[in-house]
Amino acid sequence: MNASFFGGAYSGDCGTLPADARLECKICWHVYDPADGDPESQTPPGTAFADLPAHWTCPQCDSPKQGFLLLAE
């Protein structure tokens, strides 16, 4: 696992996530950081995970949004 701490599953309820929440794919460990956005899907920096479209998937392994885990800082 990477150096970040695991905060737990968010259960697919994006309404409970803070805007600056970072989430990690449970398949490939890719971290979605809102500060970086997702250049692969043309998502600009500053886009919260909750604001990603429902069809968004992990840019590395195509896992759905529900396959991400909240990282605690």
N, C-alpha and C. Protein backbone atom coordinates (compact mmCIF):
# COMPACT_ATOMS: atom_id res chain seq x y z
N MET A 1 0.85 -1.17 0.00
CA MET A 1 0.00 0.00 0.00
C MET A 1 0.90 1.23 0.00
N ASN A 2 0.40 2.36 -0.50
CA ASN A 2 1.23 3.55 -0.54
C ASN A 2 1.35 4.18 0.83
N ALA A 3 2.02 5.34 0.93
CA ALA A 3 2.29 5.97 2.21
C ALA A 3 1.08 6.65 2.83
N SER A 4 0.00 6.84 2.08
CA SER A 4 -1.19 7.49 2.63
C SER A 4 -1.90 6.53 3.58
N PHE A 5 -2.70 7.09 4.47
CA PHE A 5 -3.45 6.28 5.41
C PHE A 5 -4.84 6.01 4.87
N PHE A 6 -5.33 4.81 5.12
CA PHE A 6 -6.65 4.40 4.66
C PHE A 6 -7.72 4.97 5.58
N GLY A 7 -8.70 5.65 4.99
CA GLY A 7 -9.77 6.24 5.77
C GLY A 7 -11.03 5.41 5.73
N GLY A 8 -11.15 4.52 4.76
CA GLY A 8 -12.31 3.65 4.69
C GLY A 8 -13.13 3.85 3.44
N ALA A 9 -14.09 2.96 3.27
CA ALA A 9 -14.99 3.03 2.13
C ALA A 9 -15.99 4.15 2.34
N TYR A 10 -16.38 4.79 1.26
CA TYR A 10 -17.38 5.86 1.38
C TYR A 10 -18.75 5.36 0.98
N SER A 11 -18.87 4.10 0.66
CA SER A 11 -20.13 3.42 0.35
C SER A 11 -20.88 3.99 -0.84
N GLY A 12 -20.17 4.64 -1.74
CA GLY A 12 -20.79 5.19 -2.93
C GLY A 12 -21.59 6.45 -2.69
N ASP A 13 -21.60 6.96 -1.45
CA ASP A 13 -22.36 8.16 -1.13
C ASP A 13 -21.42 9.36 -1.18
N CYS A 14 -21.33 9.98 -2.34
CA CYS A 14 -20.43 11.12 -2.53
C CYS A 14 -20.85 12.33 -1.72
N GLY A 15 -22.09 12.38 -1.27
CA GLY A 15 -22.57 13.51 -0.49
C GLY A 15 -21.87 13.64 0.85
N THR A 16 -21.22 12.58 1.31
CA THR A 16 -20.54 12.61 2.61
C THR A 16 -19.07 12.98 2.48
N LEU A 17 -18.58 13.16 1.27
CA LEU A 17 -17.17 13.44 1.05
C LEU A 17 -16.88 14.93 1.07
N PRO A 18 -15.81 15.34 1.77
CA PRO A 18 -15.40 16.74 1.67
C PRO A 18 -14.86 17.01 0.26
N ALA A 19 -14.92 18.25 -0.18
CA ALA A 19 -14.50 18.62 -1.54
C ALA A 19 -13.04 18.28 -1.81
N ASP A 20 -12.21 18.30 -0.78
CA ASP A 20 -10.78 18.04 -1.00
C ASP A 20 -10.39 16.59 -0.70
N ALA A 21 -11.38 15.71 -0.55
CA ALA A 21 -11.10 14.30 -0.25
C ALA A 21 -10.31 13.65 -1.36
N ARG A 22 -9.30 12.89 -0.97
CA ARG A 22 -8.52 12.07 -1.91
C ARG A 22 -8.99 10.64 -1.74
N LEU A 23 -9.16 9.95 -2.87
CA LEU A 23 -9.62 8.56 -2.82
C LEU A 23 -8.68 7.68 -3.62
N GLU A 24 -8.57 6.42 -3.18
CA GLU A 24 -7.64 5.47 -3.80
C GLU A 24 -8.41 4.29 -4.37
N CYS A 25 -8.09 3.91 -5.58
CA CYS A 25 -8.70 2.75 -6.22
C CYS A 25 -8.29 1.49 -5.45
N LYS A 26 -9.27 0.67 -5.12
CA LYS A 26 -8.95 -0.55 -4.36
C LYS A 26 -8.39 -1.66 -5.25
N ILE A 27 -8.40 -1.46 -6.56
CA ILE A 27 -7.84 -2.45 -7.48
C ILE A 27 -6.37 -2.17 -7.78
N CYS A 28 -6.07 -0.92 -8.20
CA CYS A 28 -4.71 -0.62 -8.65
C CYS A 28 -3.98 0.43 -7.81
N TRP A 29 -4.65 0.97 -6.80
CA TRP A 29 -4.09 1.94 -5.87
C TRP A 29 -3.88 3.33 -6.48
N HIS A 30 -4.48 3.59 -7.62
CA HIS A 30 -4.41 4.94 -8.20
C HIS A 30 -5.13 5.90 -7.25
N VAL A 31 -4.53 7.05 -6.98
CA VAL A 31 -5.14 8.04 -6.10
C VAL A 31 -5.73 9.17 -6.94
N TYR A 32 -7.04 9.42 -6.72
CA TYR A 32 -7.66 10.60 -7.32
C TYR A 32 -7.50 11.74 -6.33
N ASP A 33 -6.80 12.79 -6.77
CA ASP A 33 -6.58 13.97 -5.95
C ASP A 33 -7.27 15.14 -6.65
N PRO A 34 -8.26 15.76 -6.00
CA PRO A 34 -8.98 16.86 -6.63
C PRO A 34 -8.06 18.01 -7.05
N ALA A 35 -6.95 18.19 -6.35
CA ALA A 35 -6.02 19.26 -6.70
C ALA A 35 -5.42 19.04 -8.09
N ASP A 36 -5.34 17.77 -8.51
CA ASP A 36 -4.77 17.42 -9.82
C ASP A 36 -5.83 17.20 -10.88
N GLY A 37 -7.06 16.86 -10.48
CA GLY A 37 -8.08 16.48 -11.46
C GLY A 37 -7.71 15.17 -12.13
N ASP A 38 -8.19 14.97 -13.33
CA ASP A 38 -7.86 13.76 -14.10
C ASP A 38 -7.63 14.15 -15.55
N PRO A 39 -6.37 14.43 -15.90
CA PRO A 39 -6.08 14.84 -17.28
C PRO A 39 -6.54 13.82 -18.33
N GLU A 40 -6.52 12.54 -17.95
CA GLU A 40 -6.93 11.46 -18.86
C GLU A 40 -8.37 11.66 -19.36
N SER A 41 -9.25 12.12 -18.47
CA SER A 41 -10.65 12.32 -18.86
C SER A 41 -11.00 13.81 -19.00
N GLN A 42 -9.97 14.63 -19.10
CA GLN A 42 -10.12 16.08 -19.25
C GLN A 42 -10.89 16.70 -18.09
N THR A 43 -10.68 16.17 -16.90
CA THR A 43 -11.27 16.72 -15.68
C THR A 43 -10.28 17.73 -15.12
N PRO A 44 -10.68 19.00 -15.01
CA PRO A 44 -9.74 20.03 -14.57
C PRO A 44 -9.38 19.93 -13.09
N PRO A 45 -8.18 20.43 -12.74
CA PRO A 45 -7.81 20.51 -11.33
C PRO A 45 -8.88 21.28 -10.56
N GLY A 46 -9.09 20.87 -9.31
CA GLY A 46 -10.09 21.50 -8.46
C GLY A 46 -11.44 20.80 -8.50
N THR A 47 -11.56 19.71 -9.28
CA THR A 47 -12.82 18.97 -9.38
C THR A 47 -12.89 17.94 -8.26
N ALA A 48 -13.87 18.11 -7.38
CA ALA A 48 -14.06 17.18 -6.27
C ALA A 48 -14.48 15.81 -6.80
N PHE A 49 -14.14 14.77 -6.06
CA PHE A 49 -14.52 13.41 -6.46
C PHE A 49 -16.03 13.31 -6.64
N ALA A 50 -16.78 13.96 -5.76
CA ALA A 50 -18.24 13.93 -5.82
C ALA A 50 -18.77 14.56 -7.11
N ASP A 51 -17.99 15.45 -7.72
CA ASP A 51 -18.42 16.13 -8.94
C ASP A 51 -18.02 15.40 -10.22
N LEU A 52 -17.31 14.29 -10.09
CA LEU A 52 -16.98 13.49 -11.28
C LEU A 52 -18.28 12.89 -11.82
N PRO A 53 -18.40 12.75 -13.14
CA PRO A 53 -19.63 12.16 -13.69
C PRO A 53 -19.80 10.71 -13.25
N ALA A 54 -21.04 10.25 -13.22
CA ALA A 54 -21.36 8.89 -12.77
C ALA A 54 -20.62 7.83 -13.59
N HIS A 55 -20.35 8.12 -14.85
CA HIS A 55 -19.68 7.13 -15.72
C HIS A 55 -18.16 7.16 -15.59
N TRP A 56 -17.62 8.06 -14.76
CA TRP A 56 -16.17 8.15 -14.60
C TRP A 56 -15.62 6.85 -14.03
N THR A 57 -14.47 6.43 -14.54
CA THR A 57 -13.80 5.22 -14.04
C THR A 57 -12.33 5.53 -13.78
N CYS A 58 -11.68 4.67 -13.05
CA CYS A 58 -10.26 4.82 -12.76
C CYS A 58 -9.49 4.91 -14.07
N PRO A 59 -8.62 5.91 -14.21
CA PRO A 59 -7.86 6.05 -15.45
C PRO A 59 -6.83 4.95 -15.67
N GLN A 60 -6.52 4.17 -14.64
CA GLN A 60 -5.53 3.11 -14.80
C GLN A 60 -6.14 1.73 -15.03
N CYS A 61 -7.30 1.44 -14.36
CA CYS A 61 -7.82 0.07 -14.46
C CYS A 61 -9.31 0.00 -14.78
N ASP A 62 -9.95 1.14 -14.99
CA ASP A 62 -11.39 1.22 -15.33
C ASP A 62 -12.33 0.78 -14.21
N SER A 63 -11.85 0.74 -12.98
CA SER A 63 -12.74 0.45 -11.85
C SER A 63 -13.74 1.60 -11.71
N PRO A 64 -15.00 1.31 -11.37
CA PRO A 64 -15.99 2.38 -11.21
C PRO A 64 -15.71 3.23 -9.97
N LYS A 65 -16.36 4.39 -9.88
CA LYS A 65 -16.19 5.28 -8.73
C LYS A 65 -16.42 4.56 -7.41
N GLN A 66 -17.37 3.63 -7.39
CA GLN A 66 -17.68 2.90 -6.16
C GLN A 66 -16.52 2.02 -5.71
N GLY A 67 -15.54 1.82 -6.59
CA GLY A 67 -14.38 1.01 -6.26
C GLY A 67 -13.24 1.81 -5.64
N PHE A 68 -13.54 3.02 -5.15
CA PHE A 68 -12.53 3.86 -4.54
C PHE A 68 -12.75 3.93 -3.03
N LEU A 69 -11.64 4.09 -2.31
CA LEU A 69 -11.65 4.14 -0.86
C LEU A 69 -11.11 5.49 -0.40
N LEU A 70 -11.70 6.04 0.61
CA LEU A 70 -11.31 7.34 1.15
C LEU A 70 -9.97 7.23 1.86
N LEU A 71 -9.08 8.16 1.55
CA LEU A 71 -7.79 8.23 2.24
C LEU A 71 -7.87 9.29 3.32
N ALA A 72 -7.44 8.96 4.51
CA ALA A 72 -7.38 9.94 5.60
C ALA A 72 -6.02 10.63 5.52
N GLU A 73 -6.02 11.87 5.78
CA GLU A 73 -4.76 12.63 5.73
C GLU A 73 -4.04 12.58 7.05
